[in-house]
Amino acid sequence: MTDLYAVRVLAVDPARRRIQLRVTAFNPDVWHWPLPDKSFFLRDLEEDESILDLLVDEDDGMNRDFVESVERTATRNYPFTAAAEERLSESGRGFPWEDEGPFNEMSPESAAAFLRCEEIHVGADYDVVVTDSRLIEHLKAGDWWRTTAYPGAD
């Protein structure tokens, strides 16, 4: 399946079971889609091996509906307009690949390109609360990944 979005961890608070995420649409197929919702985060976070391991271990009592709440705190370039599309076509470089490492460890050039992509693409920031702190305790600010997750009902 084709990657649709980039997700970057802005902050993690395991004690409060809370993670702040920035989601940016980089695939043209999703620029006009609705912004991510709770189902998006269930799909996206389930792609993480550490989380998937917790979910398949039936002895730990982890519920597959592990996202308690989602609050969108900011949006960028939504709804997607012709002006936003023009800025994208002028920008040149797309999102880096994960092999460039966590955001905080990227070269200055890659980090700047990453921030520029977040700025000009459709995106939003979210506060996500999960049902169990173990689901997010391995994540840290600056982690990021591409995802095939998509918004909408299961």
C-alpha atoms as a PDB file:
ATOM      1  CA  MET A   1       0.000   0.000   0.000  1.00  0.00           C
ATOM      2  CA  THR A   2       1.189   3.548  -0.715  1.00  0.00           C
ATOM      3  CA  ASP A   3       2.285   5.875   2.075  1.00  0.00           C
ATOM      4  CA  LEU A   4      -0.225   8.692   2.518  1.00  0.00           C
ATOM      5  CA  TYR A   5       0.835  10.743   5.543  1.00  0.00           C
ATOM      6  CA  ALA A   6       3.861  11.591   7.662  1.00  0.00           C
ATOM      7  CA  VAL A   7       3.391  11.556  11.438  1.00  0.00           C
ATOM      8  CA  ARG A   8       5.810  13.334  13.782  1.00  0.00           C
ATOM      9  CA  VAL A   9       5.816  13.053  17.564  1.00  0.00           C
ATOM     10  CA  LEU A  10       5.777  16.513  19.137  1.00  0.00           C
ATOM     11  CA  ALA A  11       5.550  15.423  22.789  1.00  0.00           C
ATOM     12  CA  VAL A  12       4.929  12.293  24.872  1.00  0.00           C
ATOM     13  CA  ASP A  13       3.504  12.158  28.396  1.00  0.00           C
ATOM     14  CA  PRO A  14       3.146   8.470  29.360  1.00  0.00           C
ATOM     15  CA  ALA A  15       1.996   9.335  32.891  1.00  0.00           C
ATOM     16  CA  ARG A  16      -1.060  11.062  31.395  1.00  0.00           C
ATOM     17  CA  ARG A  17      -1.273   8.505  28.518  1.00  0.00           C
ATOM     18  CA  ARG A  18      -1.021  11.461  26.132  1.00  0.00           C
ATOM     19  CA  ILE A  19       0.924  11.977  22.927  1.00  0.00           C
ATOM     20  CA  GLN A  20       0.977  15.036  20.692  1.00  0.00           C
ATOM     21  CA  LEU A  21       1.282  14.231  17.005  1.00  0.00           C
ATOM     22  CA  ARG A  22       1.625  16.287  13.830  1.00  0.00           C
ATOM     23  CA  VAL A  23       0.076  14.609  10.794  1.00  0.00           C
ATOM     24  CA  THR A  24       0.908  15.859   7.310  1.00  0.00           C
ATOM     25  CA  ALA A  25      -0.602  14.646   4.038  1.00  0.00           C
ATOM     26  CA  PHE A  26       2.138  14.276   1.470  1.00  0.00           C
ATOM     27  CA  ASN A  27       0.404  12.018  -1.061  1.00  0.00           C
ATOM     28  CA  PRO A  28      -1.654  14.045  -3.586  1.00  0.00           C
ATOM     29  CA  ASP A  29      -4.443  11.462  -3.368  1.00  0.00           C
ATOM     30  CA  VAL A  30      -5.334  12.630   0.165  1.00  0.00           C
ATOM     31  CA  TRP A  31      -4.988  16.418  -0.089  1.00  0.00           C
ATOM     32  CA  HIS A  32      -8.784  16.791  -0.387  1.00  0.00           C
ATOM     33  CA  TRP A  33      -9.743  14.053   2.097  1.00  0.00           C
ATOM     34  CA  PRO A  34     -11.140  14.791   5.545  1.00  0.00           C
ATOM     35  CA  LEU A  35      -8.491  15.326   8.216  1.00  0.00           C
ATOM     36  CA  PRO A  36      -7.457  12.335  10.345  1.00  0.00           C
ATOM     37  CA  ASP A  37      -9.838  11.126  13.043  1.00  0.00           C
ATOM     38  CA  LYS A  38      -9.792   8.512  15.816  1.00  0.00           C
ATOM     39  CA  SER A  39      -9.913   5.625  13.320  1.00  0.00           C
ATOM     40  CA  PHE A  40      -6.804   7.038  11.613  1.00  0.00           C
ATOM     41  CA  PHE A  41      -4.830   6.873  14.864  1.00  0.00           C
ATOM     42  CA  LEU A  42      -6.023   3.344  15.609  1.00  0.00           C
ATOM     43  CA  ARG A  43      -4.752   2.248  12.186  1.00  0.00           C
ATOM     44  CA  ASP A  44      -1.553   4.287  12.311  1.00  0.00           C
ATOM     45  CA  LEU A  45      -0.392   3.389  15.802  1.00  0.00           C
ATOM     46  CA  GLU A  46      -1.228  -0.270  15.232  1.00  0.00           C
ATOM     47  CA  GLU A  47       1.441  -0.282  12.483  1.00  0.00           C
ATOM     48  CA  ASP A  48       4.096   0.245  15.213  1.00  0.00           C
ATOM     49  CA  GLU A  49       5.675  -3.116  16.103  1.00  0.00           C
ATOM     50  CA  SER A  50       5.876  -2.309  19.817  1.00  0.00           C
ATOM     51  CA  ILE A  51       2.185  -1.436  19.945  1.00  0.00           C
ATOM     52  CA  LEU A  52       1.198  -4.398  17.789  1.00  0.00           C
ATOM     53  CA  ASP A  53       3.087  -6.738  20.139  1.00  0.00           C
ATOM     54  CA  LEU A  54       1.084  -5.402  23.088  1.00  0.00           C
ATOM     55  CA  LEU A  55      -2.188  -5.791  21.195  1.00  0.00           C
ATOM     56  CA  VAL A  56      -1.591  -9.411  20.176  1.00  0.00           C
ATOM     57  CA  ASP A  57      -0.561 -10.502  23.670  1.00  0.00           C
ATOM     58  CA  GLU A  58      -4.019 -11.504  24.912  1.00  0.00           C
ATOM     59  CA  ASP A  59      -2.769 -11.997  28.482  1.00  0.00           C
ATOM     60  CA  ASP A  60      -2.181  -8.286  29.086  1.00  0.00           C
ATOM     61  CA  GLY A  61      -5.824  -7.273  28.648  1.00  0.00           C
ATOM     62  CA  MET A  62      -5.049  -4.615  26.022  1.00  0.00           C
ATOM     63  CA  ASN A  63      -8.165  -3.539  24.130  1.00  0.00           C
ATOM     64  CA  ARG A  64      -7.929  -3.112  20.350  1.00  0.00           C
ATOM     65  CA  ASP A  65      -9.875   0.148  20.761  1.00  0.00           C
ATOM     66  CA  PHE A  66      -6.857   1.636  22.511  1.00  0.00           C
ATOM     67  CA  VAL A  67      -7.317   5.288  21.524  1.00  0.00           C
ATOM     68  CA  GLU A  68      -9.404   6.903  24.243  1.00  0.00           C
ATOM     69  CA  SER A  69      -9.721  10.363  22.693  1.00  0.00           C
ATOM     70  CA  VAL A  70      -8.400  12.581  19.920  1.00  0.00           C
ATOM     71  CA  GLU A  71      -8.456  16.368  19.877  1.00  0.00           C
ATOM     72  CA  ARG A  72      -7.323  18.366  16.855  1.00  0.00           C
ATOM     73  CA  THR A  73      -5.419  21.406  18.136  1.00  0.00           C
ATOM     74  CA  ALA A  74      -4.283  23.077  14.876  1.00  0.00           C
ATOM     75  CA  THR A  75      -4.695  22.768  11.115  1.00  0.00           C
ATOM     76  CA  ARG A  76      -2.526  23.766   8.173  1.00  0.00           C
ATOM     77  CA  ASN A  77      -3.667  24.406   4.585  1.00  0.00           C
ATOM     78  CA  TYR A  78      -7.070  22.870   5.149  1.00  0.00           C
ATOM     79  CA  PRO A  79      -9.229  22.914   3.198  1.00  0.00           C
ATOM     80  CA  PHE A  80      -6.736  22.475   0.382  1.00  0.00           C
ATOM     81  CA  THR A  81      -6.848  25.386  -2.056  1.00  0.00           C
ATOM     82  CA  ALA A  82      -5.390  26.263  -5.445  1.00  0.00           C
ATOM     83  CA  ALA A  83      -2.948  28.635  -3.693  1.00  0.00           C
ATOM     84  CA  ALA A  84      -1.727  25.785  -1.470  1.00  0.00           C
ATOM     85  CA  GLU A  85      -1.295  23.568  -4.520  1.00  0.00           C
ATOM     86  CA  GLU A  86       0.764  26.291  -6.220  1.00  0.00           C
ATOM     87  CA  ARG A  87       3.064  26.584  -3.166  1.00  0.00           C
ATOM     88  CA  LEU A  88       3.528  22.818  -3.265  1.00  0.00           C
ATOM     89  CA  SER A  89       4.460  22.787  -6.933  1.00  0.00           C
ATOM     90  CA  GLU A  90       7.015  25.567  -6.331  1.00  0.00           C
ATOM     91  CA  SER A  91       8.572  23.891  -3.276  1.00  0.00           C
ATOM     92  CA  GLY A  92      10.484  21.186  -5.115  1.00  0.00           C
ATOM     93  CA  ARG A  93      11.561  18.653  -2.488  1.00  0.00           C
ATOM     94  CA  GLY A  94       9.206  16.179  -0.867  1.00  0.00           C
ATOM     95  CA  PHE A  95       9.317  14.497   2.526  1.00  0.00           C
ATOM     96  CA  PRO A  96      12.521  12.721   3.454  1.00  0.00           C
ATOM     97  CA  TRP A  97      12.533   8.973   4.043  1.00  0.00           C
ATOM     98  CA  GLU A  98      12.674   7.432   7.501  1.00  0.00           C
ATOM     99  CA  ASP A  99      16.243   6.273   6.928  1.00  0.00           C
ATOM    100  CA  GLU A 100      17.314   9.874   7.537  1.00  0.00           C
ATOM    101  CA  GLY A 101      16.556   9.200  11.209  1.00  0.00           C
ATOM    102  CA  PRO A 102      14.513  10.978  13.851  1.00  0.00           C
ATOM    103  CA  PHE A 103      13.729  14.617  13.138  1.00  0.00           C
ATOM    104  CA  ASN A 104      16.069  15.800  15.913  1.00  0.00           C
ATOM    105  CA  GLU A 105      18.987  13.898  14.339  1.00  0.00           C
ATOM    106  CA  MET A 106      18.506  14.894  10.679  1.00  0.00           C
ATOM    107  CA  SER A 107      21.000  17.033   8.844  1.00  0.00           C
ATOM    108  CA  PRO A 108      20.074  20.733   8.990  1.00  0.00           C
ATOM    109  CA  GLU A 109      19.142  20.623   5.295  1.00  0.00           C
ATOM    110  CA  SER A 110      16.824  17.625   5.715  1.00  0.00           C
ATOM    111  CA  ALA A 111      15.237  19.071   8.865  1.00  0.00           C
ATOM    112  CA  ALA A 112      14.591  22.373   7.086  1.00  0.00           C
ATOM    113  CA  ALA A 113      13.052  20.560   4.105  1.00  0.00           C
ATOM    114  CA  PHE A 114      10.926  18.486   6.489  1.00  0.00           C
ATOM    115  CA  LEU A 115       9.612  21.614   8.245  1.00  0.00           C
ATOM    116  CA  ARG A 116       8.926  23.281   4.909  1.00  0.00           C
ATOM    117  CA  CYS A 117       6.912  20.233   3.803  1.00  0.00           C
ATOM    118  CA  GLU A 118       4.889  20.331   7.021  1.00  0.00           C
ATOM    119  CA  GLU A 119       4.272  24.037   6.480  1.00  0.00           C
ATOM    120  CA  ILE A 120       2.974  23.829   2.905  1.00  0.00           C
ATOM    121  CA  HIS A 121       1.078  20.508   2.927  1.00  0.00           C
ATOM    122  CA  VAL A 122      -2.342  19.797   4.376  1.00  0.00           C
ATOM    123  CA  GLY A 123      -1.946  18.799   7.988  1.00  0.00           C
ATOM    124  CA  ALA A 124      -3.056  19.041  11.583  1.00  0.00           C
ATOM    125  CA  ASP A 125      -1.774  18.642  15.124  1.00  0.00           C
ATOM    126  CA  TYR A 126      -3.474  16.355  17.622  1.00  0.00           C
ATOM    127  CA  ASP A 127      -3.574  15.483  21.289  1.00  0.00           C
ATOM    128  CA  VAL A 128      -4.157  11.741  21.464  1.00  0.00           C
ATOM    129  CA  VAL A 129      -4.947   9.925  24.712  1.00  0.00           C
ATOM    130  CA  VAL A 130      -4.453   6.158  24.758  1.00  0.00           C
ATOM    131  CA  THR A 131      -5.903   3.637  27.202  1.00  0.00           C
ATOM    132  CA  ASP A 132      -2.547   2.329  28.446  1.00  0.00           C
ATOM    133  CA  SER A 133       0.740   4.202  28.867  1.00  0.00           C
ATOM    134  CA  ARG A 134       2.728   1.175  27.638  1.00  0.00           C
ATOM    135  CA  LEU A 135       1.467   1.946  24.143  1.00  0.00           C
ATOM    136  CA  ILE A 136       3.423   5.191  23.902  1.00  0.00           C
ATOM    137  CA  GLU A 137       6.272   4.934  26.417  1.00  0.00           C
ATOM    138  CA  HIS A 138       8.751   3.827  23.717  1.00  0.00           C
ATOM    139  CA  LEU A 139       8.117   6.949  21.610  1.00  0.00           C
ATOM    140  CA  LYS A 140       9.919  10.266  21.989  1.00  0.00           C
ATOM    141  CA  ALA A 141       9.640  13.770  20.576  1.00  0.00           C
ATOM    142  CA  GLY A 142      11.248  13.862  17.144  1.00  0.00           C
ATOM    143  CA  ASP A 143      10.286  10.324  16.132  1.00  0.00           C
ATOM    144  CA  TRP A 144       8.456  10.257  12.841  1.00  0.00           C
ATOM    145  CA  TRP A 145       7.206   7.809  10.272  1.00  0.00           C
ATOM    146  CA  ARG A 146       5.265   7.492   7.056  1.00  0.00           C
ATOM    147  CA  THR A 147       1.938   5.700   7.233  1.00  0.00           C
ATOM    148  CA  THR A 148      -0.638   4.057   5.002  1.00  0.00           C
ATOM    149  CA  ALA A 149      -3.345   4.801   7.603  1.00  0.00           C
ATOM    150  CA  TYR A 150      -6.330   6.801   6.402  1.00  0.00           C
ATOM    151  CA  PRO A 151      -9.221   8.619   8.088  1.00  0.00           C
ATOM    152  CA  GLY A 152     -12.755   7.293   8.121  1.00  0.00           C
ATOM    153  CA  ALA A 153     -14.906   4.599   9.611  1.00  0.00           C
ATOM    154  CA  ASP A 154     -13.565   1.065   9.895  1.00  0.00           C
END
